[in-house]
Amino acid sequence: MLFISKQNNNEIFLPCGGFSNHVGSFMIGRIGYYWTRNMDLKNLTKAVGYNVYSPEEIDSFENDTSYLIVQSNSEREYGHTIRAICKNIA
């Protein structure tokens, strides 16, 4: 999914790559799972991430938006995407 900042028109593409675990891969093309650098300090087997839902998935929530981003804590053993992002220092 392509996101465009309303403040400065910067763009970032976050694919809905799903996730994987010891059983297989799931939700490919429907939800993008992304790790942050932060651990869940209450449960060190988990880390903080964000889920990016595709428009098709959002329809199932009946929301009035074209995308939805939700913070989540997931088991660290899950294969979530890592997207390197840095501040624009120019």
C-alpha atoms as a PDB file:
ATOM      1  CA  MET A   1       0.000   0.000   0.000  1.00  0.00           C
ATOM      2  CA  LEU A   2       1.243   3.476  -0.858  1.00  0.00           C
ATOM      3  CA  PHE A   3       0.967   6.113   1.846  1.00  0.00           C
ATOM      4  CA  ILE A   4       1.413   9.819   1.110  1.00  0.00           C
ATOM      5  CA  SER A   5       2.039  12.348   3.864  1.00  0.00           C
ATOM      6  CA  LYS A   6      -0.503  15.163   4.036  1.00  0.00           C
ATOM      7  CA  GLN A   7       2.184  17.416   5.528  1.00  0.00           C
ATOM      8  CA  ASN A   8       4.967  17.149   2.932  1.00  0.00           C
ATOM      9  CA  ASN A   9       3.811  14.700   0.219  1.00  0.00           C
ATOM     10  CA  ASN A  10       6.532  12.175   1.129  1.00  0.00           C
ATOM     11  CA  GLU A  11       5.639   8.647   0.053  1.00  0.00           C
ATOM     12  CA  ILE A  12       6.266   5.211   1.497  1.00  0.00           C
ATOM     13  CA  PHE A  13       5.173   1.858   0.115  1.00  0.00           C
ATOM     14  CA  LEU A  14       4.321  -0.802   2.693  1.00  0.00           C
ATOM     15  CA  PRO A  15       3.428  -4.117   1.072  1.00  0.00           C
ATOM     16  CA  CYS A  16       0.928  -6.436   2.713  1.00  0.00           C
ATOM     17  CA  GLY A  17       3.405  -9.273   3.059  1.00  0.00           C
ATOM     18  CA  GLY A  18       1.571 -11.273   5.712  1.00  0.00           C
ATOM     19  CA  PHE A  19       3.535 -13.145   8.360  1.00  0.00           C
ATOM     20  CA  SER A  20       5.070 -16.542   8.866  1.00  0.00           C
ATOM     21  CA  ASN A  21       5.584 -18.884  11.785  1.00  0.00           C
ATOM     22  CA  HIS A  22       6.491 -22.540  12.323  1.00  0.00           C
ATOM     23  CA  VAL A  23       3.267 -23.650  10.559  1.00  0.00           C
ATOM     24  CA  GLY A  24       3.501 -21.566   7.374  1.00  0.00           C
ATOM     25  CA  SER A  25       2.791 -18.152   5.846  1.00  0.00           C
ATOM     26  CA  PHE A  26      -0.490 -16.305   6.290  1.00  0.00           C
ATOM     27  CA  MET A  27      -2.427 -13.190   5.227  1.00  0.00           C
ATOM     28  CA  ILE A  28      -0.140 -12.443   2.258  1.00  0.00           C
ATOM     29  CA  GLY A  29      -1.630  -9.624   0.205  1.00  0.00           C
ATOM     30  CA  ARG A  30      -4.173  -8.863   2.931  1.00  0.00           C
ATOM     31  CA  ILE A  31      -2.256  -7.528   5.954  1.00  0.00           C
ATOM     32  CA  GLY A  32       1.270  -6.169   6.356  1.00  0.00           C
ATOM     33  CA  TYR A  33       2.916  -6.897   9.691  1.00  0.00           C
ATOM     34  CA  TYR A  34       5.863  -4.669  10.593  1.00  0.00           C
ATOM     35  CA  TRP A  35       8.207  -4.765  13.551  1.00  0.00           C
ATOM     36  CA  THR A  36       9.371  -1.696  15.422  1.00  0.00           C
ATOM     37  CA  ARG A  37      12.597  -1.669  17.397  1.00  0.00           C
ATOM     38  CA  ASN A  38      10.688  -1.820  20.685  1.00  0.00           C
ATOM     39  CA  MET A  39      10.239  -4.843  22.918  1.00  0.00           C
ATOM     40  CA  ASP A  40       7.083  -5.533  24.917  1.00  0.00           C
ATOM     41  CA  LEU A  41       8.557  -4.800  28.356  1.00  0.00           C
ATOM     42  CA  LYS A  42       5.767  -6.714  30.072  1.00  0.00           C
ATOM     43  CA  ASN A  43       6.439  -9.886  28.048  1.00  0.00           C
ATOM     44  CA  LEU A  44       9.933 -10.236  26.560  1.00  0.00           C
ATOM     45  CA  THR A  45       8.818 -13.006  24.196  1.00  0.00           C
ATOM     46  CA  LYS A  46       6.890 -10.278  22.325  1.00  0.00           C
ATOM     47  CA  ALA A  47       7.821  -7.155  20.411  1.00  0.00           C
ATOM     48  CA  VAL A  48       5.856  -4.089  19.340  1.00  0.00           C
ATOM     49  CA  GLY A  49       4.743  -3.831  15.738  1.00  0.00           C
ATOM     50  CA  TYR A  50       2.132  -2.352  13.452  1.00  0.00           C
ATOM     51  CA  ASN A  51      -0.408  -4.094  11.275  1.00  0.00           C
ATOM     52  CA  VAL A  52      -1.342  -2.449   7.966  1.00  0.00           C
ATOM     53  CA  TYR A  53      -4.687  -3.687   6.677  1.00  0.00           C
ATOM     54  CA  SER A  54      -5.555  -3.760   2.967  1.00  0.00           C
ATOM     55  CA  PRO A  55      -8.826  -2.213   1.748  1.00  0.00           C
ATOM     56  CA  GLU A  56     -10.284  -5.713   1.396  1.00  0.00           C
ATOM     57  CA  GLU A  57      -9.588  -6.464   5.051  1.00  0.00           C
ATOM     58  CA  ILE A  58     -10.950  -3.097   6.158  1.00  0.00           C
ATOM     59  CA  ASP A  59     -14.273  -3.895   4.499  1.00  0.00           C
ATOM     60  CA  SER A  60     -14.617  -6.698   7.014  1.00  0.00           C
ATOM     61  CA  PHE A  61     -14.277  -4.090   9.826  1.00  0.00           C
ATOM     62  CA  GLU A  62     -16.838  -1.767   8.208  1.00  0.00           C
ATOM     63  CA  ASN A  63     -14.621   1.309   8.681  1.00  0.00           C
ATOM     64  CA  ASP A  64     -14.859   4.536   6.701  1.00  0.00           C
ATOM     65  CA  THR A  65     -11.207   4.628   5.675  1.00  0.00           C
ATOM     66  CA  SER A  66      -9.057   3.337   2.836  1.00  0.00           C
ATOM     67  CA  TYR A  67      -6.449   1.892   5.179  1.00  0.00           C
ATOM     68  CA  LEU A  68      -6.040   1.017   8.823  1.00  0.00           C
ATOM     69  CA  ILE A  69      -2.886   0.827  10.926  1.00  0.00           C
ATOM     70  CA  VAL A  70      -3.058  -0.832  14.333  1.00  0.00           C
ATOM     71  CA  GLN A  71      -0.325  -1.170  16.944  1.00  0.00           C
ATOM     72  CA  SER A  72       0.124  -4.736  18.140  1.00  0.00           C
ATOM     73  CA  ASN A  73       2.379  -6.924  20.244  1.00  0.00           C
ATOM     74  CA  SER A  74       3.301 -10.220  18.639  1.00  0.00           C
ATOM     75  CA  GLU A  75       5.476 -13.181  19.464  1.00  0.00           C
ATOM     76  CA  ARG A  76       9.044 -12.451  18.378  1.00  0.00           C
ATOM     77  CA  GLU A  77       9.263 -15.826  16.636  1.00  0.00           C
ATOM     78  CA  TYR A  78       6.767 -14.654  13.997  1.00  0.00           C
ATOM     79  CA  GLY A  79       8.222 -13.594  10.680  1.00  0.00           C
ATOM     80  CA  HIS A  80       7.132  -9.999  10.303  1.00  0.00           C
ATOM     81  CA  THR A  81       8.551  -7.538   7.812  1.00  0.00           C
ATOM     82  CA  ILE A  82      11.253  -5.060   8.779  1.00  0.00           C
ATOM     83  CA  ARG A  83      11.169  -1.794   6.847  1.00  0.00           C
ATOM     84  CA  ALA A  84      14.142   0.498   7.373  1.00  0.00           C
ATOM     85  CA  ILE A  85      13.000   4.100   7.719  1.00  0.00           C
ATOM     86  CA  CYS A  86      15.042   7.109   8.745  1.00  0.00           C
ATOM     87  CA  LYS A  87      14.364  10.756   9.382  1.00  0.00           C
ATOM     88  CA  ASN A  88      15.057  13.079   6.506  1.00  0.00           C
ATOM     89  CA  ILE A  89      18.071  15.017   7.729  1.00  0.00           C
ATOM     90  CA  ALA A  90      18.347  17.317   4.726  1.00  0.00           C
END
